[in-house]
């Protein structure tokens, strides 16, 4: 460090010339009570979101395996209510969400008869 008492002033002047006067002014000079309230609101929203994310990412021990609580809270029904077929196909997911049946049931019972299906008609279950 230099023993020159004007060293800090010269450094500040050089920074101001290169980057502008805003870089050397005190951050509190532009702070107002409105900005303070806005900052506090943003901070509380952030902390609330962080708490929710943390709670959702907690792990639960199930038979010696740690599983995220987020995965356990999901309700997924992979069984077709029409034919009782279990499927991992992504194609079936689309039809399960839209028509509440798998792709093969859509082809067999729904295709071309969407209005009847949407009014509530379903085929009788075979025994």
N, C-alpha and C. Protein backbone atom coordinates (compact mmCIF):
# COMPACT_ATOMS: atom_id res chain seq x y z
N UNK A 1 0.84 -1.18 0.00
CA UNK A 1 0.00 0.00 0.00
C UNK A 1 0.89 1.25 0.00
N UNK A 2 0.47 2.22 -0.71
CA UNK A 2 1.24 3.46 -0.83
C UNK A 2 1.01 4.36 0.37
N UNK A 3 2.01 5.20 0.69
CA UNK A 3 1.89 6.14 1.80
C UNK A 3 1.31 7.48 1.33
N UNK A 4 0.98 7.57 0.05
CA UNK A 4 0.41 8.79 -0.51
C UNK A 4 -1.02 8.97 -0.02
N UNK A 5 -1.36 10.10 0.64
CA UNK A 5 -2.72 10.31 1.17
C UNK A 5 -3.76 10.52 0.06
N UNK A 6 -3.34 10.88 -1.12
CA UNK A 6 -4.27 11.11 -2.22
C UNK A 6 -4.46 9.88 -3.12
N UNK A 7 -3.88 8.75 -2.71
CA UNK A 7 -3.94 7.54 -3.52
C UNK A 7 -5.39 7.09 -3.75
N UNK A 8 -6.20 7.06 -2.70
CA UNK A 8 -7.60 6.62 -2.80
C UNK A 8 -8.37 7.54 -3.72
N UNK A 9 -8.16 8.83 -3.61
CA UNK A 9 -8.86 9.80 -4.45
C UNK A 9 -8.50 9.58 -5.92
N UNK A 10 -7.23 9.32 -6.21
CA UNK A 10 -6.82 9.07 -7.61
C UNK A 10 -7.44 7.78 -8.14
N UNK A 11 -7.49 6.75 -7.31
CA UNK A 11 -8.09 5.47 -7.75
C UNK A 11 -9.58 5.67 -8.04
N UNK A 12 -10.28 6.37 -7.14
CA UNK A 12 -11.70 6.64 -7.36
C UNK A 12 -11.92 7.46 -8.63
N UNK A 13 -11.08 8.43 -8.87
CA UNK A 13 -11.20 9.27 -10.06
C UNK A 13 -10.99 8.43 -11.32
N UNK A 14 -10.00 7.53 -11.31
CA UNK A 14 -9.73 6.67 -12.46
C UNK A 14 -10.91 5.73 -12.71
N UNK A 15 -11.48 5.18 -11.63
CA UNK A 15 -12.64 4.29 -11.78
C UNK A 15 -13.83 5.06 -12.35
N UNK A 16 -14.06 6.28 -11.86
CA UNK A 16 -15.18 7.10 -12.34
C UNK A 16 -15.01 7.44 -13.81
N UNK A 17 -13.79 7.72 -14.23
CA UNK A 17 -13.56 8.05 -15.64
C UNK A 17 -13.79 6.84 -16.53
N UNK A 18 -13.40 5.67 -16.04
CA UNK A 18 -13.51 4.47 -16.86
C UNK A 18 -14.93 3.89 -16.87
N UNK A 19 -15.60 3.86 -15.69
CA UNK A 19 -16.89 3.16 -15.58
C UNK A 19 -18.08 4.07 -15.30
N UNK A 20 -17.85 5.34 -15.00
CA UNK A 20 -18.95 6.25 -14.73
C UNK A 20 -19.02 6.60 -13.24
N UNK A 21 -19.70 7.72 -12.94
CA UNK A 21 -19.77 8.22 -11.57
C UNK A 21 -20.59 7.31 -10.66
N UNK A 22 -21.52 6.53 -11.22
CA UNK A 22 -22.37 5.65 -10.40
C UNK A 22 -21.56 4.58 -9.67
N UNK A 23 -20.40 4.24 -10.22
CA UNK A 23 -19.61 3.15 -9.62
C UNK A 23 -18.90 3.56 -8.34
N UNK A 24 -18.73 4.85 -8.12
CA UNK A 24 -18.00 5.26 -6.91
C UNK A 24 -18.89 5.88 -5.86
N UNK A 25 -20.17 6.06 -6.13
CA UNK A 25 -21.03 6.67 -5.13
C UNK A 25 -21.52 5.64 -4.11
N UNK A 26 -21.94 6.11 -2.98
CA UNK A 26 -22.43 5.27 -1.89
C UNK A 26 -23.75 4.61 -2.33
N UNK A 27 -23.89 3.31 -2.16
CA UNK A 27 -25.13 2.64 -2.57
C UNK A 27 -26.37 3.16 -1.84
N UNK A 28 -26.22 3.67 -0.65
CA UNK A 28 -27.37 4.18 0.10
C UNK A 28 -27.90 5.51 -0.45
N UNK A 29 -27.14 6.18 -1.30
CA UNK A 29 -27.58 7.48 -1.79
C UNK A 29 -28.82 7.39 -2.67
N UNK A 30 -29.06 6.27 -3.34
CA UNK A 30 -30.24 6.10 -4.18
C UNK A 30 -31.32 5.24 -3.53
N UNK A 31 -31.13 4.89 -2.26
CA UNK A 31 -32.06 4.00 -1.57
C UNK A 31 -33.18 4.82 -0.95
N UNK A 32 -34.43 4.34 -1.07
CA UNK A 32 -35.58 5.05 -0.51
C UNK A 32 -36.44 4.07 0.29
N UNK A 33 -37.36 4.58 1.09
CA UNK A 33 -38.25 3.68 1.84
C UNK A 33 -39.09 2.78 0.92
N UNK A 34 -39.47 3.29 -0.26
CA UNK A 34 -40.24 2.47 -1.22
C UNK A 34 -39.39 1.30 -1.73
N UNK A 35 -38.13 1.59 -2.03
CA UNK A 35 -37.23 0.53 -2.49
C UNK A 35 -37.00 -0.49 -1.38
N UNK A 36 -36.94 -0.01 -0.14
CA UNK A 36 -36.75 -0.90 1.01
C UNK A 36 -37.94 -1.85 1.14
N UNK A 37 -39.16 -1.34 1.00
CA UNK A 37 -40.36 -2.18 1.10
C UNK A 37 -40.41 -3.20 -0.05
N UNK A 38 -40.07 -2.74 -1.24
CA UNK A 38 -40.05 -3.63 -2.40
C UNK A 38 -39.02 -4.74 -2.19
N UNK A 39 -37.86 -4.38 -1.68
CA UNK A 39 -36.81 -5.37 -1.41
C UNK A 39 -37.26 -6.38 -0.36
N UNK A 40 -37.90 -5.91 0.71
CA UNK A 40 -38.37 -6.82 1.75
C UNK A 40 -39.43 -7.79 1.22
N UNK A 41 -40.31 -7.30 0.35
CA UNK A 41 -41.34 -8.16 -0.23
C UNK A 41 -40.70 -9.22 -1.13
N UNK A 42 -39.74 -8.81 -1.96
CA UNK A 42 -39.04 -9.77 -2.82
C UNK A 42 -38.30 -10.81 -1.99
N UNK A 43 -37.68 -10.37 -0.91
CA UNK A 43 -36.95 -11.28 -0.04
C UNK A 43 -37.88 -12.29 0.63
N UNK A 44 -39.04 -11.84 1.11
CA UNK A 44 -39.98 -12.77 1.75
C UNK A 44 -40.54 -13.76 0.73
N UNK A 45 -40.81 -13.32 -0.50
CA UNK A 45 -41.28 -14.24 -1.55
C UNK A 45 -40.21 -15.28 -1.87
N UNK A 46 -38.98 -14.85 -1.96
CA UNK A 46 -37.87 -15.76 -2.24
C UNK A 46 -37.72 -16.80 -1.13
N UNK A 47 -37.77 -16.34 0.11
CA UNK A 47 -37.61 -17.26 1.24
C UNK A 47 -38.76 -18.26 1.32
N UNK A 48 -39.97 -17.81 1.03
CA UNK A 48 -41.13 -18.72 1.03
C UNK A 48 -40.96 -19.78 -0.04
N UNK A 49 -40.51 -19.38 -1.23
CA UNK A 49 -40.29 -20.33 -2.32
C UNK A 49 -39.18 -21.31 -1.97
N UNK A 50 -38.13 -20.81 -1.34
CA UNK A 50 -37.01 -21.67 -0.94
C UNK A 50 -37.47 -22.71 0.07
N UNK A 51 -38.31 -22.29 1.02
CA UNK A 51 -38.82 -23.24 2.02
C UNK A 51 -39.67 -24.31 1.36
N UNK A 52 -40.51 -23.93 0.40
CA UNK A 52 -41.36 -24.92 -0.28
C UNK A 52 -40.52 -25.88 -1.09
N UNK A 53 -39.52 -25.36 -1.79
CA UNK A 53 -38.64 -26.22 -2.58
C UNK A 53 -37.87 -27.18 -1.69
N UNK A 54 -37.42 -26.69 -0.54
CA UNK A 54 -36.67 -27.53 0.38
C UNK A 54 -37.56 -28.64 0.93
N UNK A 55 -38.80 -28.30 1.26
CA UNK A 55 -39.73 -29.30 1.79
C UNK A 55 -40.04 -30.35 0.72
N UNK A 56 -40.15 -29.92 -0.52
CA UNK A 56 -40.47 -30.86 -1.60
C UNK A 56 -39.29 -31.75 -1.94
N UNK A 57 -38.07 -31.28 -1.68
CA UNK A 57 -36.91 -32.08 -2.04
C UNK A 57 -36.42 -32.97 -0.90
N UNK A 58 -37.16 -33.00 0.20
CA UNK A 58 -36.78 -33.87 1.30
C UNK A 58 -36.89 -35.33 0.88
N UNK A 59 -36.02 -36.15 1.45
CA UNK A 59 -35.99 -37.57 1.11
C UNK A 59 -36.68 -38.38 2.20
N UNK A 60 -37.36 -39.45 1.78
CA UNK A 60 -38.05 -40.35 2.69
C UNK A 60 -37.45 -41.73 2.51
N UNK A 61 -37.20 -42.42 3.62
CA UNK A 61 -36.63 -43.76 3.57
C UNK A 61 -37.77 -44.77 3.42
N UNK A 62 -37.78 -45.46 2.28
CA UNK A 62 -38.76 -46.51 2.03
C UNK A 62 -38.01 -47.79 1.73
N UNK A 63 -38.08 -48.72 2.66
CA UNK A 63 -37.40 -50.01 2.54
C UNK A 63 -35.91 -49.86 2.23
N UNK A 64 -35.25 -48.91 2.88
CA UNK A 64 -33.82 -48.72 2.70
C UNK A 64 -33.44 -47.89 1.49
N UNK A 65 -34.41 -47.33 0.78
CA UNK A 65 -34.14 -46.51 -0.40
C UNK A 65 -34.67 -45.10 -0.13
N UNK A 66 -33.83 -44.09 -0.36
CA UNK A 66 -34.27 -42.72 -0.18
C UNK A 66 -34.98 -42.23 -1.43
N UNK A 67 -36.22 -41.79 -1.26
CA UNK A 67 -37.04 -41.32 -2.38
C UNK A 67 -37.52 -39.92 -2.05
N UNK A 68 -37.51 -39.04 -3.03
CA UNK A 68 -37.94 -37.67 -2.85
C UNK A 68 -39.43 -37.62 -2.53
N UNK A 69 -39.81 -36.75 -1.58
CA UNK A 69 -41.22 -36.58 -1.24
C UNK A 69 -42.00 -36.08 -2.45
N UNK A 70 -41.32 -35.34 -3.30
CA UNK A 70 -41.95 -34.80 -4.49
C UNK A 70 -42.49 -35.93 -5.37
N UNK A 71 -41.72 -37.00 -5.47
CA UNK A 71 -42.15 -38.13 -6.29
C UNK A 71 -43.29 -38.90 -5.63
N UNK A 72 -43.30 -38.94 -4.32
CA UNK A 72 -44.34 -39.68 -3.62
C UNK A 72 -45.68 -38.97 -3.66
N UNK A 73 -45.67 -37.66 -3.78
CA UNK A 73 -46.92 -36.91 -3.79
C UNK A 73 -47.62 -36.97 -5.14
N UNK A 74 -46.93 -37.39 -6.17
CA UNK A 74 -47.55 -37.48 -7.49
C UNK A 74 -48.51 -38.64 -7.54
N UNK A 75 -49.66 -38.37 -8.11
CA UNK A 75 -50.62 -39.44 -8.31
C UNK A 75 -50.64 -39.78 -9.79
N UNK A 76 -50.03 -40.87 -10.15
CA UNK A 76 -50.03 -41.29 -11.54
C UNK A 76 -50.78 -42.60 -11.65
N UNK A 77 -51.70 -42.63 -12.57
CA UNK A 77 -52.44 -43.85 -12.81
C UNK A 77 -52.03 -44.37 -14.17
N UNK A 78 -51.30 -45.46 -14.18
CA UNK A 78 -50.78 -46.01 -15.42
C UNK A 78 -51.65 -47.15 -15.92
N UNK A 79 -52.76 -47.40 -15.26
CA UNK A 79 -53.64 -48.48 -15.67
C UNK A 79 -54.84 -47.89 -16.40
N UNK A 80 -55.14 -48.43 -17.57
CA UNK A 80 -56.27 -47.96 -18.36
C UNK A 80 -57.57 -48.38 -17.67
N UNK A 81 -58.48 -47.43 -17.41
CA UNK A 81 -59.73 -47.79 -16.76
C UNK A 81 -60.68 -48.61 -17.65
N UNK A 82 -60.45 -48.61 -18.96
CA UNK A 82 -61.32 -49.34 -19.88
C UNK A 82 -60.89 -50.80 -19.97
N UNK A 83 -59.61 -51.04 -20.27
CA UNK A 83 -59.15 -52.42 -20.48
C UNK A 83 -58.29 -52.95 -19.33
N UNK A 84 -58.02 -52.14 -18.33
CA UNK A 84 -57.20 -52.50 -17.16
C UNK A 84 -55.79 -52.92 -17.55
N UNK A 85 -55.27 -52.41 -18.65
CA UNK A 85 -53.91 -52.69 -19.11
C UNK A 85 -52.96 -51.69 -18.48
N UNK A 86 -51.80 -52.18 -17.98
CA UNK A 86 -50.80 -51.32 -17.37
C UNK A 86 -49.76 -50.96 -18.44
N UNK A 87 -49.38 -49.67 -18.53
CA UNK A 87 -48.50 -49.25 -19.60
C UNK A 87 -47.48 -48.23 -19.12
N UNK A 88 -46.26 -48.31 -19.71
CA UNK A 88 -45.23 -47.30 -19.48
C UNK A 88 -45.06 -46.41 -20.71
N UNK A 89 -45.86 -46.58 -21.72
CA UNK A 89 -45.71 -45.85 -22.97
C UNK A 89 -46.09 -44.38 -22.81
N UNK A 90 -45.25 -43.49 -23.38
CA UNK A 90 -45.56 -42.07 -23.36
C UNK A 90 -46.78 -41.77 -24.23
N UNK A 91 -46.96 -42.54 -25.27
CA UNK A 91 -48.11 -42.36 -26.15
C UNK A 91 -49.40 -42.59 -25.37
N UNK A 92 -49.40 -43.59 -24.50
CA UNK A 92 -50.58 -43.85 -23.68
C UNK A 92 -50.84 -42.70 -22.71
N UNK A 93 -49.77 -42.05 -22.23
CA UNK A 93 -49.95 -40.93 -21.30
C UNK A 93 -50.78 -39.82 -21.92
N UNK A 94 -50.55 -39.54 -23.19
CA UNK A 94 -51.30 -38.49 -23.88
C UNK A 94 -52.78 -38.83 -23.92
N UNK A 95 -53.09 -40.05 -24.28
CA UNK A 95 -54.49 -40.45 -24.38
C UNK A 95 -55.13 -40.62 -23.01
N UNK A 96 -54.34 -41.01 -22.00
CA UNK A 96 -54.88 -41.11 -20.64
C UNK A 96 -55.27 -39.73 -20.13
N UNK A 97 -54.46 -38.71 -20.43
CA UNK A 97 -54.77 -37.36 -19.97
C UNK A 97 -55.97 -36.77 -20.69
N UNK A 98 -56.08 -37.03 -21.99
CA UNK A 98 -57.14 -36.40 -22.76
C UNK A 98 -58.44 -37.21 -22.77
N UNK A 99 -58.34 -38.53 -22.94
CA UNK A 99 -59.55 -39.35 -23.10
C UNK A 99 -59.76 -40.36 -21.97
N UNK A 100 -58.85 -40.41 -21.01
CA UNK A 100 -58.93 -41.36 -19.90
C UNK A 100 -58.98 -42.81 -20.39
N UNK A 101 -58.14 -43.11 -21.36
CA UNK A 101 -57.98 -44.48 -21.85
C UNK A 101 -56.63 -44.59 -22.55
N UNK A 102 -56.16 -45.82 -22.77
CA UNK A 102 -54.88 -46.02 -23.43
C UNK A 102 -55.04 -45.84 -24.95
N UNK A 103 -53.92 -45.90 -25.65
CA UNK A 103 -53.94 -45.68 -27.10
C UNK A 103 -54.77 -46.73 -27.82
N UNK A 104 -54.61 -48.01 -27.43
CA UNK A 104 -55.36 -49.07 -28.12
C UNK A 104 -56.86 -48.93 -27.88
N UNK A 105 -57.27 -48.53 -26.68
CA UNK A 105 -58.70 -48.30 -26.42
C UNK A 105 -59.19 -47.08 -27.19
N UNK A 106 -58.33 -46.08 -27.34
CA UNK A 106 -58.70 -44.91 -28.13
C UNK A 106 -59.01 -45.34 -29.56
N UNK A 107 -58.13 -46.15 -30.15
CA UNK A 107 -58.33 -46.61 -31.52
C UNK A 107 -59.62 -47.44 -31.62
N UNK A 108 -59.83 -48.31 -30.66
CA UNK A 108 -60.96 -49.24 -30.72
C UNK A 108 -62.29 -48.57 -30.39
N UNK A 109 -62.33 -47.69 -29.40
CA UNK A 109 -63.61 -47.18 -28.92
C UNK A 109 -63.86 -45.70 -29.16
N UNK A 110 -62.80 -44.88 -29.23
CA UNK A 110 -63.00 -43.43 -29.23
C UNK A 110 -62.86 -42.81 -30.61
N UNK A 111 -61.88 -43.22 -31.38
CA UNK A 111 -61.57 -42.57 -32.65
C UNK A 111 -62.80 -42.50 -33.54
N UNK A 112 -63.14 -41.28 -33.95
CA UNK A 112 -64.32 -41.07 -34.79
C UNK A 112 -65.59 -40.91 -33.99
N UNK A 113 -65.56 -41.19 -32.68
CA UNK A 113 -66.75 -41.08 -31.82
C UNK A 113 -66.44 -40.25 -30.58
N UNK A 114 -65.66 -39.18 -30.76
CA UNK A 114 -65.22 -38.38 -29.62
C UNK A 114 -66.39 -37.74 -28.88
N UNK A 115 -67.41 -37.29 -29.61
CA UNK A 115 -68.55 -36.64 -28.94
C UNK A 115 -69.27 -37.62 -28.03
N UNK A 116 -69.46 -38.85 -28.48
CA UNK A 116 -70.11 -39.85 -27.65
C UNK A 116 -69.26 -40.16 -26.43
N UNK A 117 -67.94 -40.26 -26.62
CA UNK A 117 -67.03 -40.54 -25.52
C UNK A 117 -67.05 -39.39 -24.50
N UNK A 118 -67.04 -38.15 -25.00
CA UNK A 118 -67.02 -36.99 -24.12
C UNK A 118 -68.32 -36.81 -23.35
N UNK A 119 -69.41 -37.38 -23.84
CA UNK A 119 -70.68 -37.29 -23.11
C UNK A 119 -70.76 -38.32 -21.99
N UNK A 120 -69.80 -39.27 -21.95
CA UNK A 120 -69.75 -40.20 -20.83
C UNK A 120 -69.90 -41.66 -21.19
N UNK A 121 -70.11 -41.99 -22.46
CA UNK A 121 -70.26 -43.39 -22.84
C UNK A 121 -68.94 -44.13 -22.66
N UNK A 122 -69.01 -45.33 -22.12
CA UNK A 122 -67.86 -46.21 -21.98
C UNK A 122 -68.31 -47.62 -22.33
N UNK A 123 -67.42 -48.43 -22.90
CA UNK A 123 -67.80 -49.81 -23.23
C UNK A 123 -67.99 -50.62 -21.94
N UNK A 124 -68.83 -51.62 -22.03
CA UNK A 124 -69.04 -52.50 -20.87
C UNK A 124 -67.80 -53.33 -20.65
N UNK A 125 -67.46 -53.51 -19.38
CA UNK A 125 -66.28 -54.31 -19.06
C UNK A 125 -66.62 -55.78 -19.18
N UNK A 126 -65.73 -56.51 -19.89
CA UNK A 126 -65.94 -57.94 -20.06
C UNK A 126 -65.49 -58.68 -18.82
N UNK A 127 -66.16 -59.77 -18.50
CA UNK A 127 -65.80 -60.55 -17.32
C UNK A 127 -64.91 -61.68 -17.65
